[in-house]
Each structure stands twice: as C-alpha cells, then as structure tokens.
Amino acid sequence: MKHQAQLRPESNADRRSNDRISIGRDAVLRVDGLPPISVVLVDVTRDGCLIATDAILTPGQSINLGLAGVGTVAARVVRAGTVGYGCEFVERLPPGAVTRASETNVVPLDGANVAIPPGSAKFSRRVQFAALVGLMVAGWALFGVAAYYLTR
C-alpha cells in the first residue's frame, strides 16, 4: 500500500514546534505483556505522533512503536481522541527521521544497497559455457556407463 506524505497545517492553539506530517502507514505497537499490535501511524513530528488502533491505551502509559524507516521508538500516551492516541516520544527523533518515516519504501540495511548492473551475471560467460559443456559431457558419460551395463 503506497502512501503519500502530506503537510498538515497547525492551528494557533497547537503547542507543537514542528508541523505534523500525515503518514497513514502501518506501524507496530508494543506494550509490555502483549504481543505486537498493528496500528496506523496517522501523523508524526520529531516530538510525537498520532496512532489509530482498536487497542485500549491510557494516558501516561509507556509504549514502544516500530516505525518503518526509523526503528523502534519509546513513547508515552498523552491523550486519547476520536481519531486515535496522541503519543509523545521519550527522546526527540533525530533530524531526517520524519522524512524517512514518510518515505514509501523500507530503508535498506547496511550493505544491502549494492546495485548489480543490468546484464551482469554471477559467473562470467566463459565459466557458464564451461559448466554447460561439463554437464553435457557428464550426461553422455552417464549414458555410456548405463548402456554398457544394460547390454552386458
């Protein structure tokens, strides 16, 4: 499911120092003693987020959120609303984390971003040809051995 991040304008009454970025993508909620729960990350700032879930959370409750492109983040529930739960991160997200969370792809692991040029093979053409010839010779040799024992 592809989501487009959008900047959500803030009202003057909002105390956030950063604009909320609408995300609308899946995240993972972890609460002590319960299995991981899939939630929707409605929006996010460097200081906190809004999640939508059927799980029952209470203000002041400590949680962990698995955010794509960011990782696991410790937070606490600060309010329950009609859309979901407002959460404040225990530590402010580092610069660029909100952008990574809003990207439509998963952040690659270190070293996994190695590109293989189109048309390149794992083995050179010479090695591939030698392997093919070797398999053909082995096949004929096996056929010859089988024919020898069957005609004896």
C-alpha atoms as a PDB file:
ATOM      1  CA  MET A   1       0.000   0.000   0.000  1.00  0.00           C
ATOM      2  CA  LYS A   2       1.579   3.282  -1.132  1.00  0.00           C
ATOM      3  CA  HIS A   3       1.019   6.416   0.933  1.00  0.00           C
ATOM      4  CA  GLN A   4       1.873  10.000   0.119  1.00  0.00           C
ATOM      5  CA  ALA A   5       3.072  12.166   2.995  1.00  0.00           C
ATOM      6  CA  GLN A   6       1.265  15.487   3.361  1.00  0.00           C
ATOM      7  CA  LEU A   7       1.960  18.532   5.480  1.00  0.00           C
ATOM      8  CA  ARG A   8      -0.948  19.167   7.830  1.00  0.00           C
ATOM      9  CA  PRO A   9      -1.390  22.840   8.814  1.00  0.00           C
ATOM     10  CA  GLU A  10      -1.457  23.522  12.529  1.00  0.00           C
ATOM     11  CA  SER A  11      -3.848  25.727  14.432  1.00  0.00           C
ATOM     12  CA  ASN A  12      -2.528  28.539  16.607  1.00  0.00           C
ATOM     13  CA  ALA A  13      -3.683  26.618  19.676  1.00  0.00           C
ATOM     14  CA  ASP A  14      -1.362  23.702  18.828  1.00  0.00           C
ATOM     15  CA  ARG A  15       1.752  23.680  21.019  1.00  0.00           C
ATOM     16  CA  ARG A  16       3.971  21.704  18.630  1.00  0.00           C
ATOM     17  CA  SER A  17       7.112  23.406  17.401  1.00  0.00           C
ATOM     18  CA  ASN A  18       7.142  21.327  14.194  1.00  0.00           C
ATOM     19  CA  ASP A  19       4.452  20.709  11.583  1.00  0.00           C
ATOM     20  CA  ARG A  20       2.760  17.335  11.682  1.00  0.00           C
ATOM     21  CA  ILE A  21       3.364  15.146   8.640  1.00  0.00           C
ATOM     22  CA  SER A  22       0.387  12.987   7.667  1.00  0.00           C
ATOM     23  CA  ILE A  23       1.680   9.460   7.122  1.00  0.00           C
ATOM     24  CA  GLY A  24      -1.199   6.973   7.133  1.00  0.00           C
ATOM     25  CA  ARG A  25       1.008   3.880   7.088  1.00  0.00           C
ATOM     26  CA  ASP A  26       1.257   0.793   9.247  1.00  0.00           C
ATOM     27  CA  ALA A  27       3.349   0.723  12.408  1.00  0.00           C
ATOM     28  CA  VAL A  28       3.810  -1.790  15.237  1.00  0.00           C
ATOM     29  CA  LEU A  29       2.710  -1.095  18.802  1.00  0.00           C
ATOM     30  CA  ARG A  30       4.459  -2.965  21.583  1.00  0.00           C
ATOM     31  CA  VAL A  31       3.078  -2.863  25.104  1.00  0.00           C
ATOM     32  CA  ASP A  32       4.654  -4.880  27.921  1.00  0.00           C
ATOM     33  CA  GLY A  33       2.994  -8.255  28.331  1.00  0.00           C
ATOM     34  CA  LEU A  34       1.148  -8.213  24.988  1.00  0.00           C
ATOM     35  CA  PRO A  35       2.058  -9.482  21.526  1.00  0.00           C
ATOM     36  CA  PRO A  36       2.882  -6.808  18.898  1.00  0.00           C
ATOM     37  CA  ILE A  37      -0.199  -4.977  17.599  1.00  0.00           C
ATOM     38  CA  SER A  38      -0.538  -3.484  14.120  1.00  0.00           C
ATOM     39  CA  VAL A  39      -1.583   0.204  14.233  1.00  0.00           C
ATOM     40  CA  VAL A  40      -1.833   3.064  11.762  1.00  0.00           C
ATOM     41  CA  LEU A  41       0.618   5.937  12.119  1.00  0.00           C
ATOM     42  CA  VAL A  42      -1.720   8.838  11.307  1.00  0.00           C
ATOM     43  CA  ASP A  43       0.842  11.625  11.623  1.00  0.00           C
ATOM     44  CA  VAL A  44       4.268  12.254  13.097  1.00  0.00           C
ATOM     45  CA  THR A  45       6.607  15.013  14.252  1.00  0.00           C
ATOM     46  CA  ARG A  46      10.054  14.750  15.793  1.00  0.00           C
ATOM     47  CA  ASP A  47       8.382  15.024  19.226  1.00  0.00           C
ATOM     48  CA  GLY A  48       5.481  12.602  18.880  1.00  0.00           C
ATOM     49  CA  CYS A  49       2.787  11.036  16.759  1.00  0.00           C
ATOM     50  CA  LEU A  50      -0.867  10.134  16.447  1.00  0.00           C
ATOM     51  CA  ILE A  51      -1.745   6.444  16.136  1.00  0.00           C
ATOM     52  CA  ALA A  52      -5.059   4.797  15.313  1.00  0.00           C
ATOM     53  CA  THR A  53      -5.758   1.412  16.877  1.00  0.00           C
ATOM     54  CA  ASP A  54      -8.537  -0.697  18.370  1.00  0.00           C
ATOM     55  CA  ALA A  55      -6.276  -1.413  21.351  1.00  0.00           C
ATOM     56  CA  ILE A  56      -7.199   0.347  24.578  1.00  0.00           C
ATOM     57  CA  LEU A  57      -4.444   2.626  25.823  1.00  0.00           C
ATOM     58  CA  THR A  58      -4.439   5.054  28.740  1.00  0.00           C
ATOM     59  CA  PRO A  59      -2.791   8.462  29.085  1.00  0.00           C
ATOM     60  CA  GLY A  60       0.559   8.099  30.814  1.00  0.00           C
ATOM     61  CA  GLN A  61       1.072   4.549  29.545  1.00  0.00           C
ATOM     62  CA  SER A  62       4.571   3.696  28.256  1.00  0.00           C
ATOM     63  CA  ILE A  63       4.705   2.062  24.826  1.00  0.00           C
ATOM     64  CA  ASN A  64       7.153   1.262  22.045  1.00  0.00           C
ATOM     65  CA  LEU A  65       6.376   1.966  18.408  1.00  0.00           C
ATOM     66  CA  GLY A  66       8.037   0.280  15.442  1.00  0.00           C
ATOM     67  CA  LEU A  67       8.135   2.902  12.691  1.00  0.00           C
ATOM     68  CA  ALA A  68       9.201   1.985   9.151  1.00  0.00           C
ATOM     69  CA  GLY A  69      12.367   3.832   8.214  1.00  0.00           C
ATOM     70  CA  VAL A  70      13.022   4.841  11.831  1.00  0.00           C
ATOM     71  CA  GLY A  71      13.025   1.725  14.022  1.00  0.00           C
ATOM     72  CA  THR A  72      11.626   1.166  17.499  1.00  0.00           C
ATOM     73  CA  VAL A  73      10.854   4.342  19.426  1.00  0.00           C
ATOM     74  CA  ALA A  74       9.920   4.623  23.109  1.00  0.00           C
ATOM     75  CA  ALA A  75       6.882   6.823  23.756  1.00  0.00           C
ATOM     76  CA  ARG A  76       4.118   7.512  26.208  1.00  0.00           C
ATOM     77  CA  VAL A  77       0.450   8.067  25.543  1.00  0.00           C
ATOM     78  CA  VAL A  78      -0.519  11.656  26.345  1.00  0.00           C
ATOM     79  CA  ARG A  79      -4.124  11.794  25.137  1.00  0.00           C
ATOM     80  CA  ALA A  80      -6.968   9.746  23.708  1.00  0.00           C
ATOM     81  CA  GLY A  81      -9.075  11.342  20.998  1.00  0.00           C
ATOM     82  CA  THR A  82     -11.710  10.489  18.424  1.00  0.00           C
ATOM     83  CA  VAL A  83      -9.082   9.701  15.759  1.00  0.00           C
ATOM     84  CA  GLY A  84      -6.642   7.817  17.968  1.00  0.00           C
ATOM     85  CA  TYR A  85      -3.983   8.253  20.614  1.00  0.00           C
ATOM     86  CA  GLY A  86      -1.544  11.138  20.841  1.00  0.00           C
ATOM     87  CA  CYS A  87       1.899   9.900  21.840  1.00  0.00           C
ATOM     88  CA  GLU A  88       4.990  11.800  22.935  1.00  0.00           C
ATOM     89  CA  PHE A  89       8.393  10.283  22.161  1.00  0.00           C
ATOM     90  CA  VAL A  90      10.662   9.789  25.172  1.00  0.00           C
ATOM     91  CA  GLU A  91      13.549  11.163  23.086  1.00  0.00           C
ATOM     92  CA  ARG A  92      13.094  13.551  20.192  1.00  0.00           C
ATOM     93  CA  LEU A  93      13.596  11.855  16.817  1.00  0.00           C
ATOM     94  CA  PRO A  94      16.897  12.693  15.112  1.00  0.00           C
ATOM     95  CA  PRO A  95      16.932  15.030  12.094  1.00  0.00           C
ATOM     96  CA  GLY A  96      15.672  13.261   8.957  1.00  0.00           C
ATOM     97  CA  ALA A  97      13.673  10.610  10.854  1.00  0.00           C
ATOM     98  CA  VAL A  98      10.287  12.110   9.953  1.00  0.00           C
ATOM     99  CA  THR A  99      11.303  12.156   6.285  1.00  0.00           C
ATOM    100  CA  ARG A 100      12.411   8.520   6.475  1.00  0.00           C
ATOM    101  CA  ALA A 101       9.117   7.561   8.151  1.00  0.00           C
ATOM    102  CA  SER A 102       7.169   9.229   5.349  1.00  0.00           C
ATOM    103  CA  GLU A 103       9.031   7.527   2.501  1.00  0.00           C
ATOM    104  CA  THR A 104       7.119   4.860   0.613  1.00  0.00           C
ATOM    105  CA  ASN A 105       9.930   2.326   0.765  1.00  0.00           C
ATOM    106  CA  VAL A 106      11.730   0.495   3.527  1.00  0.00           C
ATOM    107  CA  VAL A 107      15.170   1.748   4.487  1.00  0.00           C
ATOM    108  CA  PRO A 108      17.753  -0.795   3.210  1.00  0.00           C
ATOM    109  CA  LEU A 109      20.100  -2.488   5.637  1.00  0.00           C
ATOM    110  CA  ASP A 110      23.772  -1.506   5.516  1.00  0.00           C
ATOM    111  CA  GLY A 111      25.440  -3.259   2.580  1.00  0.00           C
ATOM    112  CA  ALA A 112      22.127  -4.398   1.108  1.00  0.00           C
ATOM    113  CA  ASN A 113      22.009  -1.402  -1.203  1.00  0.00           C
ATOM    114  CA  VAL A 114      24.569  -2.841  -3.629  1.00  0.00           C
ATOM    115  CA  ALA A 115      23.324  -2.494  -7.190  1.00  0.00           C
ATOM    116  CA  ILE A 116      24.042  -5.225  -9.736  1.00  0.00           C
ATOM    117  CA  PRO A 117      24.428  -3.719 -13.217  1.00  0.00           C
ATOM    118  CA  PRO A 118      21.842  -4.952 -15.747  1.00  0.00           C
ATOM    119  CA  GLY A 119      23.071  -7.810 -17.907  1.00  0.00           C
ATOM    120  CA  SER A 120      25.778  -8.832 -15.468  1.00  0.00           C
ATOM    121  CA  ALA A 121      25.842 -12.412 -14.303  1.00  0.00           C
ATOM    122  CA  LYS A 122      27.144 -14.054 -11.182  1.00  0.00           C
ATOM    123  CA  PHE A 123      29.597 -16.036 -13.316  1.00  0.00           C
ATOM    124  CA  SER A 124      31.350 -14.902 -16.473  1.00  0.00           C
ATOM    125  CA  ARG A 125      30.155 -16.201 -19.859  1.00  0.00           C
ATOM    126  CA  ARG A 126      33.271 -18.375 -20.112  1.00  0.00           C
ATOM    127  CA  VAL A 127      32.536 -20.079 -16.774  1.00  0.00           C
ATOM    128  CA  GLN A 128      28.868 -20.536 -17.711  1.00  0.00           C
ATOM    129  CA  PHE A 129      29.853 -22.124 -21.049  1.00  0.00           C
ATOM    130  CA  ALA A 130      32.400 -24.430 -19.368  1.00  0.00           C
ATOM    131  CA  ALA A 131      29.762 -25.558 -16.856  1.00  0.00           C
ATOM    132  CA  LEU A 132      27.290 -26.274 -19.655  1.00  0.00           C
ATOM    133  CA  VAL A 133      29.855 -28.311 -21.617  1.00  0.00           C
ATOM    134  CA  GLY A 134      30.834 -30.166 -18.437  1.00  0.00           C
ATOM    135  CA  LEU A 135      27.207 -31.075 -17.742  1.00  0.00           C
ATOM    136  CA  MET A 136      26.756 -32.293 -21.320  1.00  0.00           C
ATOM    137  CA  VAL A 137      29.915 -34.466 -21.154  1.00  0.00           C
ATOM    138  CA  ALA A 138      28.862 -35.850 -17.762  1.00  0.00           C
ATOM    139  CA  GLY A 139      25.420 -36.684 -19.166  1.00  0.00           C
ATOM    140  CA  TRP A 140      26.888 -38.560 -22.148  1.00  0.00           C
ATOM    141  CA  ALA A 141      29.350 -40.380 -19.865  1.00  0.00           C
ATOM    142  CA  LEU A 142      26.500 -41.455 -17.584  1.00  0.00           C
ATOM    143  CA  PHE A 143      24.520 -42.592 -20.636  1.00  0.00           C
ATOM    144  CA  GLY A 144      27.539 -44.601 -21.852  1.00  0.00           C
ATOM    145  CA  VAL A 145      28.023 -46.302 -18.473  1.00  0.00           C
ATOM    146  CA  ALA A 146      24.328 -47.156 -18.271  1.00  0.00           C
ATOM    147  CA  ALA A 147      24.333 -48.541 -21.848  1.00  0.00           C
ATOM    148  CA  TYR A 148      27.426 -50.665 -21.102  1.00  0.00           C
ATOM    149  CA  TYR A 149      25.824 -52.300 -18.031  1.00  0.00           C
ATOM    150  CA  LEU A 150      22.434 -52.769 -19.702  1.00  0.00           C
ATOM    151  CA  THR A 151      23.914 -54.544 -22.761  1.00  0.00           C
ATOM    152  CA  ARG A 152      26.151 -56.900 -20.793  1.00  0.00           C
END
